[in-house]
């Protein structure tokens, strides 16, 4: 199981320290939540933070855009160091074009689905994707409770991917912990975003290791 700790939950007064902690851990990805205050009510951070993380980390930067008009900024995210760039289905008018542009810039394209968005919307873009991000909370705020119906949604994405894109990585974001991580792995998830569960832990490195191992069983 890939663990992608979300730096939205880190201590920004000690960002370099927390990134170095992640570098020493078994986390394969680092999840970067970009919010614009338009698509979601919160505002988080943008290119300067992403560039700083890239400067100090060798991990895969898993960038999740919770923004309107993502097409305007694709090149800048590539230049800032994004490896995976995930846009929201709900925020993209011309999704095929956006995904193809992301790939042409050398990044791995992903699509995120809000909890209310049906999996069926992926059918005609599935072949364009490297990642589907299933939101297991409503986007925009950390620390929300996991929505149990997300487990069935992961299984539904898995069934579609087996037919249309067998190498797809299904990622889950929101309220992830060891208990639901096991169920998500069984349903077909291959990557888990964890924010407060990691950064509020007494030993984040061990927490990442345990989540990675338990969710892989």
N, C-alpha and C. Protein backbone atom coordinates (compact mmCIF):
# COMPACT_ATOMS: atom_id res chain seq x y z
N UNK A 1 0.84 -1.20 0.00
CA UNK A 1 0.00 0.00 0.00
C UNK A 1 0.88 1.25 0.00
N UNK A 2 0.57 2.19 -0.88
CA UNK A 2 1.25 3.48 -0.89
C UNK A 2 0.60 4.37 0.17
N UNK A 3 1.42 4.98 1.01
CA UNK A 3 0.93 5.97 1.97
C UNK A 3 1.38 7.34 1.50
N UNK A 4 0.42 8.27 1.42
CA UNK A 4 0.69 9.63 0.93
C UNK A 4 0.29 10.62 2.02
N UNK A 5 1.21 10.92 2.96
CA UNK A 5 0.86 11.85 4.04
C UNK A 5 0.55 13.24 3.50
N UNK A 6 -0.52 13.83 4.00
CA UNK A 6 -0.95 15.16 3.55
C UNK A 6 -0.30 16.24 4.39
N UNK A 7 0.49 17.09 3.74
CA UNK A 7 1.18 18.14 4.49
C UNK A 7 0.23 19.26 4.92
N UNK A 8 -1.03 19.18 4.55
CA UNK A 8 -2.02 20.12 5.08
C UNK A 8 -2.07 20.03 6.60
N UNK A 9 -1.69 18.87 7.14
CA UNK A 9 -1.74 18.65 8.59
C UNK A 9 -0.40 18.83 9.28
N UNK A 10 0.62 19.24 8.53
CA UNK A 10 1.94 19.36 9.16
C UNK A 10 2.04 20.68 9.93
N UNK A 11 3.16 20.87 10.62
CA UNK A 11 3.45 22.11 11.34
C UNK A 11 4.20 23.03 10.39
N UNK A 12 3.53 24.06 9.87
CA UNK A 12 4.17 24.91 8.87
C UNK A 12 5.26 25.79 9.45
N UNK A 13 5.33 25.90 10.76
CA UNK A 13 6.47 26.56 11.38
C UNK A 13 7.71 25.70 11.36
N UNK A 14 7.51 24.41 11.09
CA UNK A 14 8.62 23.45 11.03
C UNK A 14 8.47 22.57 9.79
N UNK A 15 8.19 23.19 8.66
CA UNK A 15 7.91 22.44 7.44
C UNK A 15 9.10 21.58 7.03
N UNK A 16 10.30 22.14 7.05
CA UNK A 16 11.46 21.36 6.62
C UNK A 16 11.66 20.15 7.53
N UNK A 17 11.48 20.34 8.83
CA UNK A 17 11.60 19.22 9.77
C UNK A 17 10.61 18.11 9.42
N UNK A 18 9.37 18.49 9.14
CA UNK A 18 8.36 17.49 8.85
C UNK A 18 8.62 16.80 7.51
N UNK A 19 9.11 17.53 6.52
CA UNK A 19 9.46 16.92 5.24
C UNK A 19 10.62 15.94 5.41
N UNK A 20 11.60 16.31 6.21
CA UNK A 20 12.72 15.40 6.46
C UNK A 20 12.25 14.15 7.19
N UNK A 21 11.27 14.30 8.08
CA UNK A 21 10.68 13.12 8.74
C UNK A 21 10.03 12.21 7.70
N UNK A 22 9.28 12.79 6.76
CA UNK A 22 8.65 11.98 5.71
C UNK A 22 9.70 11.32 4.83
N UNK A 23 10.80 12.03 4.57
CA UNK A 23 11.88 11.45 3.76
C UNK A 23 12.45 10.20 4.42
N UNK A 24 12.47 10.18 5.75
CA UNK A 24 13.04 9.05 6.48
C UNK A 24 12.04 7.92 6.68
N UNK A 25 10.81 8.14 6.27
CA UNK A 25 9.74 7.17 6.49
C UNK A 25 9.53 6.28 5.27
N UNK A 26 8.58 5.35 5.39
CA UNK A 26 8.23 4.47 4.27
C UNK A 26 7.15 5.06 3.36
N UNK A 27 6.78 6.30 3.60
CA UNK A 27 5.84 6.97 2.69
C UNK A 27 6.47 7.08 1.31
N UNK A 28 5.74 6.66 0.29
CA UNK A 28 6.26 6.76 -1.08
C UNK A 28 5.89 8.08 -1.73
N UNK A 29 4.76 8.63 -1.34
CA UNK A 29 4.27 9.89 -1.90
C UNK A 29 4.12 10.92 -0.78
N UNK A 30 4.09 12.19 -1.17
CA UNK A 30 3.70 13.29 -0.28
C UNK A 30 2.51 13.98 -0.94
N UNK A 31 1.41 14.09 -0.20
CA UNK A 31 0.17 14.66 -0.73
C UNK A 31 0.13 16.15 -0.45
N UNK A 32 -0.09 16.92 -1.51
CA UNK A 32 -0.10 18.38 -1.41
C UNK A 32 -1.47 18.89 -1.84
N UNK A 33 -2.24 19.41 -0.89
CA UNK A 33 -3.60 19.88 -1.15
C UNK A 33 -3.59 21.37 -1.49
N UNK A 34 -3.96 21.69 -2.71
CA UNK A 34 -4.00 23.09 -3.15
C UNK A 34 -5.47 23.53 -3.22
N UNK A 35 -5.83 24.54 -2.44
CA UNK A 35 -7.21 25.03 -2.37
C UNK A 35 -7.25 26.52 -2.68
N UNK A 36 -8.29 26.94 -3.40
CA UNK A 36 -8.33 28.32 -3.89
C UNK A 36 -9.38 29.20 -3.24
N UNK A 37 -10.20 28.67 -2.33
CA UNK A 37 -11.26 29.47 -1.74
C UNK A 37 -12.45 29.69 -2.66
N UNK A 38 -12.43 29.05 -3.82
CA UNK A 38 -13.53 29.16 -4.79
C UNK A 38 -14.20 27.81 -4.96
N UNK A 39 -13.45 26.83 -5.44
CA UNK A 39 -14.00 25.48 -5.58
C UNK A 39 -14.31 24.88 -4.21
N UNK A 40 -13.46 25.17 -3.25
CA UNK A 40 -13.70 24.79 -1.85
C UNK A 40 -13.56 26.06 -1.00
N UNK A 41 -14.17 26.09 0.19
CA UNK A 41 -14.18 27.34 0.97
C UNK A 41 -12.84 27.72 1.58
N UNK A 42 -11.94 26.78 1.74
CA UNK A 42 -10.65 27.07 2.35
C UNK A 42 -9.63 27.54 1.32
N UNK A 43 -8.59 28.22 1.80
CA UNK A 43 -7.42 28.56 1.00
C UNK A 43 -6.22 27.91 1.68
N UNK A 44 -5.41 27.18 0.93
CA UNK A 44 -4.26 26.51 1.56
C UNK A 44 -2.94 27.13 1.12
N UNK A 45 -2.35 26.63 0.06
CA UNK A 45 -1.05 27.12 -0.38
C UNK A 45 -0.89 26.81 -1.87
N UNK A 46 0.20 27.32 -2.45
CA UNK A 46 0.39 27.16 -3.89
C UNK A 46 1.82 26.87 -4.27
N UNK A 47 2.29 27.54 -5.31
CA UNK A 47 3.58 27.20 -5.91
C UNK A 47 4.78 27.35 -4.97
N UNK A 48 4.89 28.39 -4.15
CA UNK A 48 6.07 28.51 -3.29
C UNK A 48 6.25 27.33 -2.34
N UNK A 49 5.15 26.87 -1.74
CA UNK A 49 5.24 25.73 -0.83
C UNK A 49 5.62 24.47 -1.60
N UNK A 50 5.00 24.26 -2.76
CA UNK A 50 5.31 23.08 -3.56
C UNK A 50 6.78 23.08 -3.97
N UNK A 51 7.30 24.23 -4.38
CA UNK A 51 8.71 24.32 -4.75
C UNK A 51 9.61 24.01 -3.56
N UNK A 52 9.23 24.48 -2.38
CA UNK A 52 10.03 24.22 -1.18
C UNK A 52 10.05 22.75 -0.83
N UNK A 53 8.88 22.11 -0.94
CA UNK A 53 8.83 20.67 -0.66
C UNK A 53 9.68 19.91 -1.68
N UNK A 54 9.57 20.29 -2.94
CA UNK A 54 10.36 19.63 -3.99
C UNK A 54 11.85 19.78 -3.72
N UNK A 55 12.26 20.92 -3.24
CA UNK A 55 13.67 21.19 -2.97
C UNK A 55 14.21 20.26 -1.89
N UNK A 56 13.36 19.88 -0.95
CA UNK A 56 13.84 19.12 0.21
C UNK A 56 13.42 17.65 0.21
N UNK A 57 12.73 17.20 -0.84
CA UNK A 57 12.26 15.82 -0.83
C UNK A 57 12.47 15.12 -2.16
N UNK A 58 12.79 13.82 -2.05
CA UNK A 58 12.93 12.95 -3.23
C UNK A 58 11.66 12.14 -3.46
N UNK A 59 10.65 12.31 -2.62
CA UNK A 59 9.42 11.53 -2.74
C UNK A 59 8.58 12.00 -3.93
N UNK A 60 7.66 11.14 -4.35
CA UNK A 60 6.69 11.51 -5.38
C UNK A 60 5.76 12.58 -4.81
N UNK A 61 5.65 13.71 -5.50
CA UNK A 61 4.75 14.77 -5.05
C UNK A 61 3.39 14.59 -5.71
N UNK A 62 2.44 14.27 -4.88
CA UNK A 62 1.07 13.90 -5.24
C UNK A 62 0.19 15.13 -5.02
N UNK A 63 0.01 15.92 -6.07
CA UNK A 63 -0.62 17.24 -5.93
C UNK A 63 -2.11 17.15 -6.28
N UNK A 64 -2.92 17.56 -5.34
CA UNK A 64 -4.39 17.47 -5.44
C UNK A 64 -4.95 18.88 -5.57
N UNK A 65 -5.45 19.21 -6.75
CA UNK A 65 -5.95 20.55 -7.02
C UNK A 65 -7.44 20.64 -6.69
N UNK A 66 -7.75 21.37 -5.64
CA UNK A 66 -9.14 21.69 -5.31
C UNK A 66 -9.36 23.15 -5.70
N UNK A 67 -9.29 23.38 -7.02
CA UNK A 67 -9.33 24.75 -7.53
C UNK A 67 -10.20 24.81 -8.78
N UNK A 68 -10.72 26.00 -9.04
CA UNK A 68 -11.39 26.27 -10.31
C UNK A 68 -10.34 26.65 -11.35
N UNK A 69 -10.65 26.44 -12.61
CA UNK A 69 -9.78 26.85 -13.72
C UNK A 69 -8.37 26.27 -13.62
N UNK A 70 -8.29 24.99 -13.32
CA UNK A 70 -6.98 24.34 -13.17
C UNK A 70 -6.14 24.46 -14.44
N UNK A 71 -6.78 24.49 -15.60
CA UNK A 71 -6.03 24.54 -16.86
C UNK A 71 -5.09 25.73 -16.94
N UNK A 72 -5.40 26.79 -16.25
CA UNK A 72 -4.57 28.00 -16.31
C UNK A 72 -3.21 27.81 -15.65
N UNK A 73 -3.08 26.78 -14.82
CA UNK A 73 -1.90 26.66 -13.96
C UNK A 73 -1.11 25.37 -14.15
N UNK A 74 -1.45 24.56 -15.13
CA UNK A 74 -0.83 23.24 -15.26
C UNK A 74 0.68 23.34 -15.44
N UNK A 75 1.14 24.22 -16.30
CA UNK A 75 2.58 24.35 -16.53
C UNK A 75 3.30 24.80 -15.27
N UNK A 76 2.69 25.70 -14.52
CA UNK A 76 3.33 26.18 -13.29
C UNK A 76 3.44 25.07 -12.25
N UNK A 77 2.45 24.19 -12.17
CA UNK A 77 2.57 23.07 -11.24
C UNK A 77 3.65 22.10 -11.69
N UNK A 78 3.77 21.90 -12.99
CA UNK A 78 4.85 21.05 -13.50
C UNK A 78 6.20 21.66 -13.15
N UNK A 79 6.35 22.96 -13.36
CA UNK A 79 7.62 23.63 -13.07
C UNK A 79 7.92 23.65 -11.57
N UNK A 80 6.89 23.64 -10.76
CA UNK A 80 7.08 23.64 -9.30
C UNK A 80 7.47 22.28 -8.75
N UNK A 81 7.30 21.21 -9.57
CA UNK A 81 7.78 19.91 -9.15
C UNK A 81 6.75 18.82 -8.96
N UNK A 82 5.51 19.05 -9.39
CA UNK A 82 4.48 18.02 -9.24
C UNK A 82 4.80 16.79 -10.08
N UNK A 83 4.63 15.62 -9.50
CA UNK A 83 4.78 14.35 -10.23
C UNK A 83 3.41 13.82 -10.67
N UNK A 84 2.46 13.83 -9.75
CA UNK A 84 1.07 13.45 -10.02
C UNK A 84 0.24 14.71 -9.88
N UNK A 85 -0.62 14.98 -10.84
CA UNK A 85 -1.49 16.15 -10.75
C UNK A 85 -2.93 15.69 -10.91
N UNK A 86 -3.69 15.83 -9.82
CA UNK A 86 -5.07 15.37 -9.78
C UNK A 86 -6.02 16.56 -9.76
N UNK A 87 -6.96 16.55 -10.71
CA UNK A 87 -7.97 17.61 -10.79
C UNK A 87 -9.32 17.01 -10.41
N UNK A 88 -10.25 17.86 -10.04
CA UNK A 88 -11.59 17.39 -9.68
C UNK A 88 -12.48 17.31 -10.90
N UNK A 89 -13.18 16.20 -11.03
CA UNK A 89 -14.17 16.05 -12.09
C UNK A 89 -15.16 17.21 -12.05
N UNK A 90 -15.56 17.61 -10.85
CA UNK A 90 -16.59 18.63 -10.69
C UNK A 90 -16.13 20.02 -11.10
N UNK A 91 -14.82 20.21 -11.27
CA UNK A 91 -14.27 21.54 -11.57
C UNK A 91 -13.75 21.68 -12.99
N UNK A 92 -13.85 20.62 -13.79
CA UNK A 92 -13.25 20.64 -15.14
C UNK A 92 -14.32 20.52 -16.21
N UNK A 93 -14.41 21.53 -17.04
CA UNK A 93 -15.40 21.53 -18.12
C UNK A 93 -14.97 20.63 -19.26
N UNK A 94 -13.67 20.65 -19.58
CA UNK A 94 -13.13 19.87 -20.70
C UNK A 94 -12.10 18.89 -20.14
N UNK A 95 -12.60 17.83 -19.51
CA UNK A 95 -11.75 16.95 -18.72
C UNK A 95 -10.73 16.21 -19.58
N UNK A 96 -11.14 15.68 -20.74
CA UNK A 96 -10.19 14.99 -21.60
C UNK A 96 -8.99 15.88 -21.91
N UNK A 97 -9.27 17.09 -22.31
CA UNK A 97 -8.20 18.02 -22.70
C UNK A 97 -7.27 18.31 -21.53
N UNK A 98 -7.85 18.50 -20.35
CA UNK A 98 -7.03 18.76 -19.17
C UNK A 98 -6.11 17.59 -18.86
N UNK A 99 -6.65 16.38 -18.88
CA UNK A 99 -5.85 15.19 -18.57
C UNK A 99 -4.75 14.98 -19.60
N UNK A 100 -5.06 15.18 -20.86
CA UNK A 100 -4.06 15.01 -21.91
C UNK A 100 -2.96 16.05 -21.79
N UNK A 101 -3.33 17.25 -21.39
CA UNK A 101 -2.32 18.30 -21.20
C UNK A 101 -1.42 17.97 -20.02
N UNK A 102 -1.98 17.47 -18.95
CA UNK A 102 -1.16 17.07 -17.80
C UNK A 102 -0.13 16.03 -18.22
N UNK A 103 -0.56 15.03 -18.96
CA UNK A 103 0.38 13.99 -19.39
C UNK A 103 1.43 14.54 -20.35
N UNK A 104 1.02 15.43 -21.24
CA UNK A 104 1.97 16.00 -22.20
C UNK A 104 3.06 16.81 -21.51
N UNK A 105 2.76 17.31 -20.31
CA UNK A 105 3.74 18.06 -19.53
C UNK A 105 4.65 17.16 -18.70
N UNK A 106 4.45 15.85 -18.80
CA UNK A 106 5.31 14.90 -18.11
C UNK A 106 4.84 14.51 -16.73
N UNK A 107 3.63 14.91 -16.36
CA UNK A 107 3.06 14.52 -15.07
C UNK A 107 2.07 13.37 -15.25
N UNK A 108 1.74 12.72 -14.16
CA UNK A 108 0.77 11.62 -14.18
C UNK A 108 -0.60 12.19 -13.85
N UNK A 109 -1.59 12.02 -14.74
CA UNK A 109 -2.89 12.64 -14.51
C UNK A 109 -3.80 11.83 -13.59
N UNK A 110 -4.53 12.55 -12.76
CA UNK A 110 -5.52 11.93 -11.89
C UNK A 110 -6.80 12.72 -11.87
N UNK A 111 -7.89 12.05 -11.49
CA UNK A 111 -9.18 12.70 -11.30
C UNK A 111 -9.69 12.37 -9.90
N UNK A 112 -10.17 13.39 -9.20
CA UNK A 112 -10.79 13.22 -7.89
C UNK A 112 -12.30 13.30 -8.02
N UNK A 113 -12.98 12.47 -7.22
CA UNK A 113 -14.44 12.46 -7.18
C UNK A 113 -14.92 12.84 -5.79
N UNK A 114 -15.78 13.85 -5.71
CA UNK A 114 -16.42 14.19 -4.44
C UNK A 114 -17.34 13.04 -4.01
N UNK A 115 -17.69 13.00 -2.71
CA UNK A 115 -18.50 11.87 -2.23
C UNK A 115 -19.81 11.66 -2.98
N UNK A 116 -20.44 12.74 -3.45
CA UNK A 116 -21.74 12.60 -4.11
C UNK A 116 -21.63 12.28 -5.60
N UNK A 117 -20.42 12.31 -6.16
CA UNK A 117 -20.25 12.12 -7.60
C UNK A 117 -20.19 10.64 -7.94
N UNK A 118 -21.02 10.16 -8.86
CA UNK A 118 -21.03 8.72 -9.17
C UNK A 118 -19.80 8.29 -9.96
N UNK A 119 -19.41 7.06 -9.77
CA UNK A 119 -18.24 6.49 -10.45
C UNK A 119 -18.46 6.45 -11.96
N UNK A 120 -19.69 6.37 -12.40
CA UNK A 120 -20.00 6.24 -13.83
C UNK A 120 -19.43 7.38 -14.67
N UNK A 121 -19.17 8.54 -14.06
CA UNK A 121 -18.64 9.67 -14.83
C UNK A 121 -17.23 9.41 -15.34
N UNK A 122 -16.56 8.39 -14.81
CA UNK A 122 -15.19 8.08 -15.20
C UNK A 122 -15.08 7.25 -16.46
N UNK A 123 -16.17 6.67 -16.89
CA UNK A 123 -16.11 5.66 -17.95
C UNK A 123 -15.38 6.16 -19.20
N UNK A 124 -15.64 7.38 -19.61
CA UNK A 124 -15.10 7.85 -20.87
C UNK A 124 -13.73 8.52 -20.74
N UNK A 125 -13.22 8.63 -19.51
CA UNK A 125 -11.86 9.17 -19.32
C UNK A 125 -10.94 8.15 -18.65
N UNK A 126 -11.45 6.98 -18.33
CA UNK A 126 -10.67 6.00 -17.58
C UNK A 126 -9.33 5.70 -18.25
N UNK A 127 -9.30 5.61 -19.55
CA UNK A 127 -8.06 5.27 -20.26
C UNK A 127 -7.02 6.37 -20.17
N UNK A 128 -7.43 7.58 -19.82
CA UNK A 128 -6.50 8.71 -19.73
C UNK A 128 -5.83 8.83 -18.37
N UNK A 129 -6.23 8.00 -17.42
CA UNK A 129 -5.88 8.22 -16.01
C UNK A 129 -4.77 7.30 -15.51
N UNK A 130 -3.96 7.85 -14.62
CA UNK A 130 -3.04 7.04 -13.81
C UNK A 130 -3.60 6.84 -12.41
N UNK A 131 -4.39 7.81 -11.94
CA UNK A 131 -4.89 7.80 -10.55
C UNK A 131 -6.35 8.24 -10.54
N UNK A 132 -7.16 7.54 -9.74
CA UNK A 132 -8.48 8.05 -9.35
C UNK A 132 -8.45 8.26 -7.84
N UNK A 133 -8.77 9.47 -7.43
CA UNK A 133 -8.78 9.83 -6.01
C UNK A 133 -10.23 9.87 -5.52
N UNK A 134 -10.58 8.91 -4.69
CA UNK A 134 -11.92 8.85 -4.10
C UNK A 134 -11.93 9.67 -2.82
N UNK A 135 -12.72 10.73 -2.81
CA UNK A 135 -12.83 11.55 -1.61
C UNK A 135 -13.76 10.86 -0.61
N UNK A 136 -13.23 10.55 0.56
CA UNK A 136 -14.02 9.90 1.59
C UNK A 136 -14.49 10.88 2.66
N UNK A 137 -14.30 12.16 2.38
CA UNK A 137 -14.92 13.28 3.10
C UNK A 137 -15.24 14.34 2.05
N UNK A 138 -16.01 15.34 2.42
CA UNK A 138 -16.20 16.46 1.51
C UNK A 138 -14.94 17.33 1.51
N UNK A 139 -14.46 17.73 0.34
CA UNK A 139 -13.15 18.38 0.25
C UNK A 139 -13.14 19.79 0.83
N UNK A 140 -11.96 20.17 1.31
CA UNK A 140 -11.77 21.54 1.75
C UNK A 140 -11.30 21.71 3.17
N UNK A 141 -11.48 20.71 4.01
CA UNK A 141 -11.09 20.80 5.41
C UNK A 141 -10.48 19.48 5.87
N UNK A 142 -9.43 19.58 6.70
CA UNK A 142 -8.87 18.39 7.31
C UNK A 142 -9.66 17.98 8.54
N UNK A 143 -9.40 16.77 9.02
CA UNK A 143 -9.96 16.34 10.29
C UNK A 143 -11.41 15.89 10.26
N UNK A 144 -11.98 15.64 9.07
CA UNK A 144 -13.37 15.19 8.99
C UNK A 144 -13.47 13.68 9.20
N UNK A 145 -14.68 13.23 9.51
CA UNK A 145 -14.91 11.80 9.72
C UNK A 145 -15.06 11.08 8.39
N UNK A 146 -14.51 9.90 8.34
CA UNK A 146 -14.55 9.04 7.16
C UNK A 146 -15.99 8.65 6.82
N UNK A 147 -16.34 8.71 5.54
CA UNK A 147 -17.67 8.30 5.07
C UNK A 147 -17.61 6.82 4.68
N UNK A 148 -18.29 5.93 5.43
CA UNK A 148 -18.16 4.49 5.21
C UNK A 148 -18.55 4.03 3.81
N UNK A 149 -19.47 4.74 3.16
CA UNK A 149 -19.89 4.32 1.82
C UNK A 149 -18.77 4.44 0.80
N UNK A 150 -17.68 5.10 1.19
CA UNK A 150 -16.53 5.22 0.29
C UNK A 150 -15.91 3.87 -0.03
N UNK A 151 -16.05 2.90 0.86
CA UNK A 151 -15.49 1.57 0.63
C UNK A 151 -16.16 0.93 -0.58
N UNK A 152 -17.48 1.03 -0.66
CA UNK A 152 -18.20 0.49 -1.82
C UNK A 152 -17.82 1.24 -3.10
N UNK A 153 -17.58 2.52 -2.96
CA UNK A 153 -17.20 3.33 -4.13
C UNK A 153 -15.84 2.90 -4.67
N UNK A 154 -14.91 2.62 -3.77
CA UNK A 154 -13.60 2.11 -4.20
C UNK A 154 -13.76 0.80 -4.96
N UNK A 155 -14.59 -0.09 -4.44
CA UNK A 155 -14.82 -1.37 -5.12
C UNK A 155 -15.43 -1.16 -6.50
N UNK A 156 -16.28 -0.16 -6.63
CA UNK A 156 -16.91 0.14 -7.92
C UNK A 156 -15.87 0.66 -8.91
N UNK A 157 -14.99 1.54 -8.45
CA UNK A 157 -13.91 2.02 -9.33
C UNK A 157 -13.01 0.86 -9.74
N UNK A 158 -12.73 -0.03 -8.79
CA UNK A 158 -11.89 -1.19 -9.07
C UNK A 158 -12.49 -2.05 -10.17
N UNK A 159 -13.78 -2.29 -10.11
CA UNK A 159 -14.43 -3.11 -11.15
C UNK A 159 -14.33 -2.44 -12.52
N UNK A 160 -14.53 -1.14 -12.57
CA UNK A 160 -14.42 -0.44 -13.84
C UNK A 160 -12.98 -0.47 -14.36
N UNK A 161 -12.02 -0.29 -13.46
CA UNK A 161 -10.62 -0.27 -13.85
C UNK A 161 -10.16 -1.63 -14.37
N UNK A 162 -10.66 -2.70 -13.80
CA UNK A 162 -10.27 -4.04 -14.26
C UNK A 162 -10.60 -4.23 -15.73
N UNK A 163 -11.66 -3.59 -16.19
CA UNK A 163 -12.06 -3.70 -17.59
C UNK A 163 -11.38 -2.67 -18.49
N UNK A 164 -11.21 -1.44 -17.98
CA UNK A 164 -10.80 -0.33 -18.85
C UNK A 164 -9.38 0.16 -18.61
N UNK A 165 -8.82 -0.08 -17.42
CA UNK A 165 -7.48 0.45 -17.10
C UNK A 165 -6.90 -0.32 -15.92
N UNK A 166 -6.40 -1.54 -16.16
CA UNK A 166 -5.98 -2.42 -15.06
C UNK A 166 -4.82 -1.87 -14.22
N UNK A 167 -4.03 -0.95 -14.75
CA UNK A 167 -2.89 -0.41 -13.99
C UNK A 167 -3.26 0.81 -13.15
N UNK A 168 -4.50 1.21 -13.18
CA UNK A 168 -4.95 2.39 -12.44
C UNK A 168 -4.65 2.26 -10.95
N UNK A 169 -4.21 3.35 -10.34
CA UNK A 169 -4.04 3.41 -8.89
C UNK A 169 -5.26 4.11 -8.29
N UNK A 170 -5.95 3.41 -7.40
CA UNK A 170 -7.09 4.00 -6.69
C UNK A 170 -6.57 4.53 -5.36
N UNK A 171 -6.77 5.81 -5.14
CA UNK A 171 -6.31 6.50 -3.94
C UNK A 171 -7.52 6.99 -3.16
N UNK A 172 -7.41 7.03 -1.84
CA UNK A 172 -8.52 7.47 -0.99
C UNK A 172 -8.02 8.58 -0.07
N UNK A 173 -8.84 9.62 0.07
CA UNK A 173 -8.44 10.80 0.84
C UNK A 173 -9.59 11.22 1.75
N UNK A 174 -9.31 11.20 3.07
CA UNK A 174 -10.27 11.74 4.02
C UNK A 174 -10.58 10.81 5.17
N UNK A 175 -10.12 11.16 6.37
CA UNK A 175 -10.45 10.38 7.56
C UNK A 175 -9.86 8.99 7.58
N UNK A 176 -8.76 8.78 6.85
CA UNK A 176 -8.16 7.44 6.77
C UNK A 176 -7.42 7.11 8.06
N UNK A 177 -7.60 5.87 8.52
CA UNK A 177 -6.85 5.36 9.67
C UNK A 177 -6.59 3.86 9.47
N UNK A 178 -6.03 3.21 10.48
CA UNK A 178 -5.69 1.79 10.32
C UNK A 178 -6.94 0.92 10.14
N UNK A 179 -8.01 1.26 10.83
CA UNK A 179 -9.21 0.42 10.77
C UNK A 179 -9.85 0.45 9.38
N UNK A 180 -10.13 1.66 8.88
CA UNK A 180 -10.75 1.70 7.55
C UNK A 180 -9.72 1.45 6.45
N UNK A 181 -8.44 1.65 6.76
CA UNK A 181 -7.40 1.36 5.77
C UNK A 181 -7.40 -0.10 5.34
N UNK A 182 -7.65 -1.00 6.29
CA UNK A 182 -7.73 -2.43 5.97
C UNK A 182 -8.87 -2.68 4.99
N UNK A 183 -10.03 -2.11 5.27
CA UNK A 183 -11.21 -2.31 4.41
C UNK A 183 -11.02 -1.68 3.04
N UNK A 184 -10.37 -0.53 2.99
CA UNK A 184 -10.12 0.13 1.71
C UNK A 184 -9.16 -0.68 0.86
N UNK A 185 -8.14 -1.25 1.50
CA UNK A 185 -7.21 -2.11 0.77
C UNK A 185 -7.91 -3.33 0.20
N UNK A 186 -8.77 -3.92 0.99
CA UNK A 186 -9.52 -5.10 0.52
C UNK A 186 -10.45 -4.75 -0.64
N UNK A 187 -10.95 -3.51 -0.67
CA UNK A 187 -11.86 -3.07 -1.73
C UNK A 187 -11.14 -2.73 -3.02
N UNK A 188 -9.81 -2.50 -2.93
CA UNK A 188 -9.06 -2.22 -4.15
C UNK A 188 -8.20 -0.98 -4.12
N UNK A 189 -8.19 -0.24 -3.02
CA UNK A 189 -7.34 0.94 -2.93
C UNK A 189 -5.87 0.54 -2.93
N UNK A 190 -5.05 1.34 -3.61
CA UNK A 190 -3.61 1.10 -3.64
C UNK A 190 -2.82 2.26 -3.04
N UNK A 191 -3.50 3.35 -2.69
CA UNK A 191 -2.84 4.50 -2.07
C UNK A 191 -3.79 5.15 -1.08
N UNK A 192 -3.27 5.52 0.08
CA UNK A 192 -4.07 6.15 1.13
C UNK A 192 -3.45 7.48 1.52
N UNK A 193 -4.26 8.52 1.51
CA UNK A 193 -3.84 9.82 2.01
C UNK A 193 -4.14 9.86 3.51
N UNK A 194 -3.17 10.28 4.29
CA UNK A 194 -3.36 10.37 5.74
C UNK A 194 -2.75 11.68 6.23
N UNK A 195 -3.56 12.49 6.89
CA UNK A 195 -3.09 13.78 7.38
C UNK A 195 -2.94 13.78 8.88
N UNK A 196 -4.03 14.09 9.58
CA UNK A 196 -3.98 14.13 11.04
C UNK A 196 -3.57 12.80 11.65
N UNK A 197 -3.96 11.71 11.02
CA UNK A 197 -3.62 10.39 11.54
C UNK A 197 -2.11 10.20 11.63
N UNK A 198 -1.38 10.80 10.69
CA UNK A 198 0.08 10.72 10.71
C UNK A 198 0.68 11.81 11.58
N UNK A 199 0.33 13.06 11.31
CA UNK A 199 1.05 14.17 11.93
C UNK A 199 0.67 14.39 13.39
N UNK A 200 -0.47 13.88 13.82
CA UNK A 200 -0.84 13.97 15.24
C UNK A 200 -0.39 12.75 16.04
N UNK A 201 0.22 11.80 15.37
CA UNK A 201 0.67 10.58 16.04
C UNK A 201 1.91 10.86 16.89
N UNK A 202 2.07 10.07 17.94
CA UNK A 202 3.26 10.20 18.78
C UNK A 202 4.52 9.87 17.99
N UNK A 203 4.42 8.88 17.10
CA UNK A 203 5.55 8.50 16.26
C UNK A 203 5.06 8.40 14.82
N UNK A 204 5.13 9.49 14.05
CA UNK A 204 4.60 9.47 12.69
C UNK A 204 5.27 8.44 11.78
N UNK A 205 6.57 8.23 11.95
CA UNK A 205 7.28 7.27 11.08
C UNK A 205 6.72 5.86 11.29
N UNK A 206 6.52 5.47 12.55
CA UNK A 206 5.95 4.16 12.84
C UNK A 206 4.50 4.06 12.37
N UNK A 207 3.76 5.16 12.50
CA UNK A 207 2.36 5.17 12.06
C UNK A 207 2.27 4.93 10.56
N UNK A 208 3.15 5.57 9.79
CA UNK A 208 3.19 5.36 8.34
C UNK A 208 3.52 3.91 8.02
N UNK A 209 4.52 3.38 8.70
CA UNK A 209 4.92 1.98 8.47
C UNK A 209 3.77 1.02 8.77
N UNK A 210 3.10 1.24 9.89
CA UNK A 210 2.00 0.35 10.28
C UNK A 210 0.83 0.45 9.30
N UNK A 211 0.49 1.66 8.88
CA UNK A 211 -0.61 1.83 7.93
C UNK A 211 -0.28 1.15 6.61
N UNK A 212 0.93 1.31 6.17
CA UNK A 212 1.36 0.70 4.91
C UNK A 212 1.25 -0.82 4.97
N UNK A 213 1.68 -1.40 6.09
CA UNK A 213 1.68 -2.86 6.22
C UNK A 213 0.27 -3.41 6.46
N UNK A 214 -0.47 -2.78 7.36
CA UNK A 214 -1.80 -3.29 7.71
C UNK A 214 -2.75 -3.20 6.53
N UNK A 215 -2.70 -2.08 5.81
CA UNK A 215 -3.61 -1.89 4.69
C UNK A 215 -3.25 -2.75 3.49
N UNK A 216 -2.07 -3.37 3.53
CA UNK A 216 -1.65 -4.24 2.43
C UNK A 216 -2.04 -5.69 2.67
N UNK A 217 -2.54 -6.01 3.86
CA UNK A 217 -2.86 -7.40 4.18
C UNK A 217 -4.20 -7.81 3.60
